Amino acid sequence: MESEIGSERRHLHRFSLKAFATVQAGLPGSEKVFELSTQDISSGGAFFPMEVPLPTGEKVKITLYLSISTIGDSLSKTKISTEGQVVRSTKQGMAVAFGGHYTMSPAKI
């Protein structure tokens, strides 16, 4: 699986984007929620700078919060929720591969 992830990462364009996110890890009842920002993002995943990153292999739930332009050019807050897995953990942070399914809905922040 590691070679698939590495191969996929090379083929997806990454964008330097600082988006607010919550990352939830752990078992139900003992979850930890981290408030982070992305450093860069692609359709396949994102890098989250953090002092003590989660270990490689950790499964997470991610909610990204974005401001997007809607029909009629008004700006609205949107949240994108998905699941993922930590695929790389370094002193600078962690890379998370997104799962295949996501939901997008209005956000109230």
N, C-alpha and C. Protein backbone atom coordinates (compact mmCIF):
# COMPACT_ATOMS: atom_id res chain seq x y z
N MET A 1 0.82 -1.19 0.00
CA MET A 1 0.00 0.00 0.00
C MET A 1 0.86 1.25 0.00
N GLU A 2 2.01 1.21 0.65
CA GLU A 2 2.89 2.37 0.70
C GLU A 2 3.29 2.83 -0.69
N SER A 3 3.59 1.87 -1.59
CA SER A 3 3.99 2.26 -2.94
C SER A 3 2.83 2.90 -3.68
N GLU A 4 1.58 2.44 -3.43
CA GLU A 4 0.42 3.05 -4.06
C GLU A 4 0.26 4.49 -3.59
N ILE A 5 0.41 4.72 -2.29
CA ILE A 5 0.26 6.07 -1.74
C ILE A 5 1.35 6.97 -2.28
N GLY A 6 2.60 6.51 -2.30
CA GLY A 6 3.69 7.32 -2.82
C GLY A 6 3.50 7.64 -4.28
N SER A 7 3.05 6.66 -5.05
CA SER A 7 2.80 6.86 -6.47
C SER A 7 1.67 7.86 -6.67
N GLU A 8 0.58 7.71 -5.91
CA GLU A 8 -0.54 8.62 -6.02
C GLU A 8 -0.11 10.05 -5.69
N ARG A 9 0.69 10.21 -4.65
CA ARG A 9 1.12 11.53 -4.22
C ARG A 9 1.88 12.25 -5.32
N ARG A 10 2.67 11.52 -6.09
CA ARG A 10 3.44 12.16 -7.16
C ARG A 10 2.55 12.63 -8.30
N HIS A 11 1.38 12.01 -8.49
CA HIS A 11 0.52 12.33 -9.62
C HIS A 11 -0.55 13.37 -9.30
N LEU A 12 -0.72 13.74 -8.07
CA LEU A 12 -1.73 14.72 -7.70
C LEU A 12 -1.09 16.07 -7.44
N HIS A 13 -1.69 17.11 -8.01
CA HIS A 13 -1.16 18.45 -7.82
C HIS A 13 -1.49 18.93 -6.41
N ARG A 14 -0.47 19.42 -5.71
CA ARG A 14 -0.66 19.92 -4.36
C ARG A 14 -0.76 21.45 -4.40
N PHE A 15 -1.63 21.98 -3.56
CA PHE A 15 -1.84 23.41 -3.47
C PHE A 15 -1.39 23.90 -2.10
N SER A 16 -0.66 24.98 -2.08
CA SER A 16 -0.27 25.60 -0.82
C SER A 16 -1.50 26.33 -0.30
N LEU A 17 -2.14 25.76 0.70
CA LEU A 17 -3.40 26.30 1.20
C LEU A 17 -3.45 26.13 2.71
N LYS A 18 -3.68 27.23 3.40
CA LYS A 18 -3.82 27.20 4.85
C LYS A 18 -5.31 27.24 5.16
N ALA A 19 -5.88 26.06 5.43
CA ALA A 19 -7.30 25.93 5.75
C ALA A 19 -7.44 25.40 7.16
N PHE A 20 -8.36 25.97 7.92
CA PHE A 20 -8.64 25.50 9.27
C PHE A 20 -9.25 24.10 9.19
N ALA A 21 -8.86 23.22 10.11
CA ALA A 21 -9.39 21.86 10.13
C ALA A 21 -9.44 21.33 11.55
N THR A 22 -10.35 20.40 11.76
CA THR A 22 -10.32 19.61 12.99
C THR A 22 -9.98 18.18 12.58
N VAL A 23 -9.11 17.57 13.36
CA VAL A 23 -8.70 16.19 13.12
C VAL A 23 -9.01 15.42 14.39
N GLN A 24 -9.83 14.39 14.25
CA GLN A 24 -10.26 13.58 15.39
C GLN A 24 -9.61 12.21 15.29
N ALA A 25 -9.01 11.77 16.38
CA ALA A 25 -8.35 10.46 16.41
C ALA A 25 -8.72 9.75 17.71
N GLY A 26 -8.61 8.45 17.69
CA GLY A 26 -8.87 7.66 18.89
C GLY A 26 -10.18 6.91 18.83
N LEU A 27 -10.38 6.09 19.83
CA LEU A 27 -11.59 5.27 19.90
C LEU A 27 -12.76 6.08 20.45
N PRO A 28 -13.99 5.71 20.07
CA PRO A 28 -15.16 6.40 20.61
C PRO A 28 -15.12 6.43 22.13
N GLY A 29 -15.38 7.58 22.68
CA GLY A 29 -15.35 7.76 24.13
C GLY A 29 -14.02 8.28 24.63
N SER A 30 -12.97 8.09 23.85
CA SER A 30 -11.65 8.62 24.25
C SER A 30 -10.98 9.35 23.09
N GLU A 31 -11.82 9.92 22.21
CA GLU A 31 -11.28 10.66 21.05
C GLU A 31 -10.53 11.91 21.50
N LYS A 32 -9.54 12.25 20.71
CA LYS A 32 -8.85 13.52 20.87
C LYS A 32 -9.14 14.33 19.62
N VAL A 33 -9.44 15.61 19.80
CA VAL A 33 -9.73 16.49 18.67
C VAL A 33 -8.65 17.56 18.62
N PHE A 34 -8.01 17.68 17.47
CA PHE A 34 -6.95 18.66 17.25
C PHE A 34 -7.46 19.74 16.32
N GLU A 35 -7.22 21.00 16.68
CA GLU A 35 -7.55 22.12 15.80
C GLU A 35 -6.26 22.50 15.09
N LEU A 36 -6.23 22.30 13.78
CA LEU A 36 -5.02 22.48 12.98
C LEU A 36 -5.32 23.30 11.74
N SER A 37 -4.27 23.60 11.00
CA SER A 37 -4.38 24.21 9.67
C SER A 37 -3.58 23.37 8.70
N THR A 38 -4.06 23.30 7.48
CA THR A 38 -3.30 22.59 6.46
C THR A 38 -2.12 23.45 6.02
N GLN A 39 -1.06 22.80 5.59
CA GLN A 39 0.07 23.51 4.98
C GLN A 39 -0.06 23.43 3.47
N ASP A 40 -0.42 22.24 2.99
CA ASP A 40 -0.74 22.04 1.59
C ASP A 40 -1.78 20.94 1.49
N ILE A 41 -2.43 20.89 0.33
CA ILE A 41 -3.54 19.96 0.18
C ILE A 41 -3.64 19.53 -1.28
N SER A 42 -4.13 18.32 -1.50
CA SER A 42 -4.44 17.83 -2.84
C SER A 42 -5.76 17.08 -2.74
N SER A 43 -6.23 16.55 -3.85
CA SER A 43 -7.47 15.78 -3.79
C SER A 43 -7.29 14.47 -3.03
N GLY A 44 -6.04 14.06 -2.82
CA GLY A 44 -5.77 12.80 -2.14
C GLY A 44 -5.38 12.92 -0.69
N GLY A 45 -5.07 14.14 -0.21
CA GLY A 45 -4.66 14.28 1.18
C GLY A 45 -4.15 15.66 1.51
N ALA A 46 -3.62 15.80 2.73
CA ALA A 46 -3.12 17.10 3.18
C ALA A 46 -1.99 16.89 4.18
N PHE A 47 -1.18 17.94 4.33
CA PHE A 47 -0.13 17.95 5.34
C PHE A 47 -0.55 18.91 6.44
N PHE A 48 -0.47 18.43 7.69
CA PHE A 48 -0.84 19.22 8.85
C PHE A 48 0.38 19.45 9.73
N PRO A 49 0.90 20.68 9.80
CA PRO A 49 2.00 20.93 10.73
C PRO A 49 1.50 20.78 12.17
N MET A 50 2.27 20.09 13.00
CA MET A 50 1.94 19.98 14.42
C MET A 50 3.16 19.52 15.18
N GLU A 51 3.26 19.94 16.44
CA GLU A 51 4.44 19.64 17.25
C GLU A 51 4.60 18.16 17.56
N VAL A 52 3.50 17.49 17.88
CA VAL A 52 3.55 16.06 18.20
C VAL A 52 2.56 15.36 17.26
N PRO A 53 3.01 14.97 16.07
CA PRO A 53 2.10 14.36 15.10
C PRO A 53 1.64 12.97 15.53
N LEU A 54 0.53 12.57 14.98
CA LEU A 54 0.01 11.23 15.24
C LEU A 54 0.89 10.21 14.52
N PRO A 55 0.89 8.97 14.99
CA PRO A 55 1.75 7.96 14.37
C PRO A 55 1.23 7.51 13.00
N THR A 56 2.14 7.08 12.15
CA THR A 56 1.79 6.52 10.85
C THR A 56 0.83 5.36 11.06
N GLY A 57 -0.21 5.31 10.23
CA GLY A 57 -1.21 4.25 10.32
C GLY A 57 -2.45 4.64 11.11
N GLU A 58 -2.37 5.71 11.90
CA GLU A 58 -3.51 6.16 12.72
C GLU A 58 -4.67 6.58 11.81
N LYS A 59 -5.87 6.08 12.09
CA LYS A 59 -7.06 6.47 11.35
C LYS A 59 -7.65 7.72 12.01
N VAL A 60 -8.10 8.66 11.17
CA VAL A 60 -8.60 9.94 11.66
C VAL A 60 -9.89 10.33 10.93
N LYS A 61 -10.63 11.24 11.55
CA LYS A 61 -11.76 11.90 10.91
C LYS A 61 -11.37 13.36 10.75
N ILE A 62 -11.58 13.90 9.58
CA ILE A 62 -11.11 15.25 9.26
C ILE A 62 -12.30 16.11 8.84
N THR A 63 -12.35 17.33 9.33
CA THR A 63 -13.31 18.32 8.85
C THR A 63 -12.51 19.55 8.45
N LEU A 64 -12.58 19.89 7.16
CA LEU A 64 -11.93 21.09 6.63
C LEU A 64 -12.96 22.19 6.51
N TYR A 65 -12.59 23.41 6.86
CA TYR A 65 -13.48 24.56 6.77
C TYR A 65 -12.93 25.52 5.73
N LEU A 66 -13.76 25.81 4.71
CA LEU A 66 -13.33 26.67 3.61
C LEU A 66 -14.34 27.78 3.38
N SER A 67 -13.86 28.90 2.87
CA SER A 67 -14.74 29.97 2.39
C SER A 67 -14.76 29.84 0.88
N ILE A 68 -15.95 29.63 0.33
CA ILE A 68 -16.04 29.47 -1.11
C ILE A 68 -17.09 30.43 -1.68
N SER A 69 -16.92 30.75 -2.93
CA SER A 69 -17.84 31.62 -3.64
C SER A 69 -19.00 30.76 -4.15
N THR A 70 -20.22 31.21 -3.90
CA THR A 70 -21.39 30.45 -4.33
C THR A 70 -22.02 31.12 -5.54
N ILE A 71 -23.05 30.49 -6.08
CA ILE A 71 -23.77 31.09 -7.20
C ILE A 71 -24.28 32.45 -6.76
N GLY A 72 -24.05 33.45 -7.56
CA GLY A 72 -24.42 34.81 -7.19
C GLY A 72 -23.27 35.55 -6.53
N ASP A 73 -22.09 34.92 -6.46
CA ASP A 73 -20.85 35.52 -5.96
C ASP A 73 -20.85 35.86 -4.48
N SER A 74 -21.74 35.28 -3.69
CA SER A 74 -21.65 35.53 -2.25
C SER A 74 -20.66 34.53 -1.66
N LEU A 75 -20.00 34.92 -0.59
CA LEU A 75 -19.01 34.07 0.06
C LEU A 75 -19.69 33.29 1.17
N SER A 76 -19.46 31.99 1.21
CA SER A 76 -20.07 31.19 2.27
C SER A 76 -19.04 30.26 2.88
N LYS A 77 -19.27 29.88 4.13
CA LYS A 77 -18.41 28.93 4.82
C LYS A 77 -18.93 27.53 4.52
N THR A 78 -18.01 26.66 4.17
CA THR A 78 -18.35 25.28 3.83
C THR A 78 -17.46 24.34 4.61
N LYS A 79 -18.02 23.21 5.02
CA LYS A 79 -17.19 22.20 5.68
C LYS A 79 -17.21 20.93 4.84
N ILE A 80 -16.04 20.32 4.76
CA ILE A 80 -15.87 19.06 4.05
C ILE A 80 -15.40 18.05 5.08
N SER A 81 -16.17 16.98 5.24
CA SER A 81 -15.85 15.96 6.23
C SER A 81 -15.48 14.66 5.52
N THR A 82 -14.41 14.02 5.98
CA THR A 82 -13.96 12.76 5.41
C THR A 82 -13.18 11.98 6.47
N GLU A 83 -12.85 10.77 6.15
CA GLU A 83 -11.97 9.98 6.99
C GLU A 83 -10.64 9.86 6.30
N GLY A 84 -9.61 9.52 7.03
CA GLY A 84 -8.29 9.38 6.44
C GLY A 84 -7.38 8.55 7.31
N GLN A 85 -6.13 8.51 6.87
CA GLN A 85 -5.12 7.75 7.60
C GLN A 85 -3.79 8.49 7.50
N VAL A 86 -3.08 8.54 8.63
CA VAL A 86 -1.75 9.17 8.64
C VAL A 86 -0.81 8.26 7.84
N VAL A 87 -0.20 8.83 6.80
CA VAL A 87 0.70 8.05 5.95
C VAL A 87 2.17 8.43 6.14
N ARG A 88 2.40 9.57 6.79
CA ARG A 88 3.78 9.99 7.08
C ARG A 88 3.74 10.89 8.29
N SER A 89 4.67 10.65 9.21
CA SER A 89 4.76 11.44 10.43
C SER A 89 6.21 11.88 10.59
N THR A 90 6.44 13.21 10.68
CA THR A 90 7.79 13.76 10.80
C THR A 90 7.83 14.76 11.95
N LYS A 91 8.98 15.33 12.20
CA LYS A 91 9.11 16.35 13.24
C LYS A 91 8.30 17.60 12.90
N GLN A 92 8.03 17.81 11.60
CA GLN A 92 7.30 19.00 11.16
C GLN A 92 5.79 18.81 11.17
N GLY A 93 5.31 17.57 11.18
CA GLY A 93 3.87 17.34 11.16
C GLY A 93 3.52 16.00 10.57
N MET A 94 2.30 15.91 10.03
CA MET A 94 1.85 14.62 9.49
C MET A 94 1.14 14.79 8.16
N ALA A 95 1.33 13.81 7.30
CA ALA A 95 0.61 13.74 6.02
C ALA A 95 -0.52 12.76 6.19
N VAL A 96 -1.72 13.17 5.79
CA VAL A 96 -2.91 12.33 5.91
C VAL A 96 -3.47 12.08 4.52
N ALA A 97 -3.70 10.81 4.18
CA ALA A 97 -4.37 10.44 2.94
C ALA A 97 -5.86 10.42 3.22
N PHE A 98 -6.63 11.09 2.36
CA PHE A 98 -8.08 11.13 2.52
C PHE A 98 -8.69 9.82 2.08
N GLY A 99 -9.84 9.47 2.71
CA GLY A 99 -10.62 8.32 2.28
C GLY A 99 -11.36 8.66 1.00
N GLY A 100 -12.03 7.72 0.44
CA GLY A 100 -12.69 7.92 -0.85
C GLY A 100 -14.02 8.65 -0.77
N HIS A 101 -14.63 8.75 0.41
CA HIS A 101 -15.95 9.37 0.53
C HIS A 101 -15.85 10.62 1.39
N TYR A 102 -16.67 11.61 1.04
CA TYR A 102 -16.70 12.85 1.82
C TYR A 102 -18.09 13.44 1.76
N THR A 103 -18.38 14.35 2.69
CA THR A 103 -19.61 15.13 2.64
C THR A 103 -19.23 16.59 2.64
N MET A 104 -20.05 17.40 1.99
CA MET A 104 -19.82 18.84 1.92
C MET A 104 -21.13 19.50 2.34
N SER A 105 -21.03 20.43 3.30
CA SER A 105 -22.24 21.09 3.79
C SER A 105 -21.91 22.49 4.28
N PRO A 106 -22.94 23.34 4.45
CA PRO A 106 -22.71 24.67 5.00
C PRO A 106 -22.12 24.56 6.40
N ALA A 107 -21.22 25.48 6.73
CA ALA A 107 -20.60 25.48 8.06
C ALA A 107 -21.03 26.74 8.82
N LYS A 108 -21.18 26.58 10.10
CA LYS A 108 -21.50 27.72 10.97
C LYS A 108 -20.36 27.85 11.94
N ILE A 109 -19.43 28.75 11.64
CA ILE A 109 -18.29 28.97 12.52
C ILE A 109 -18.38 30.35 13.12
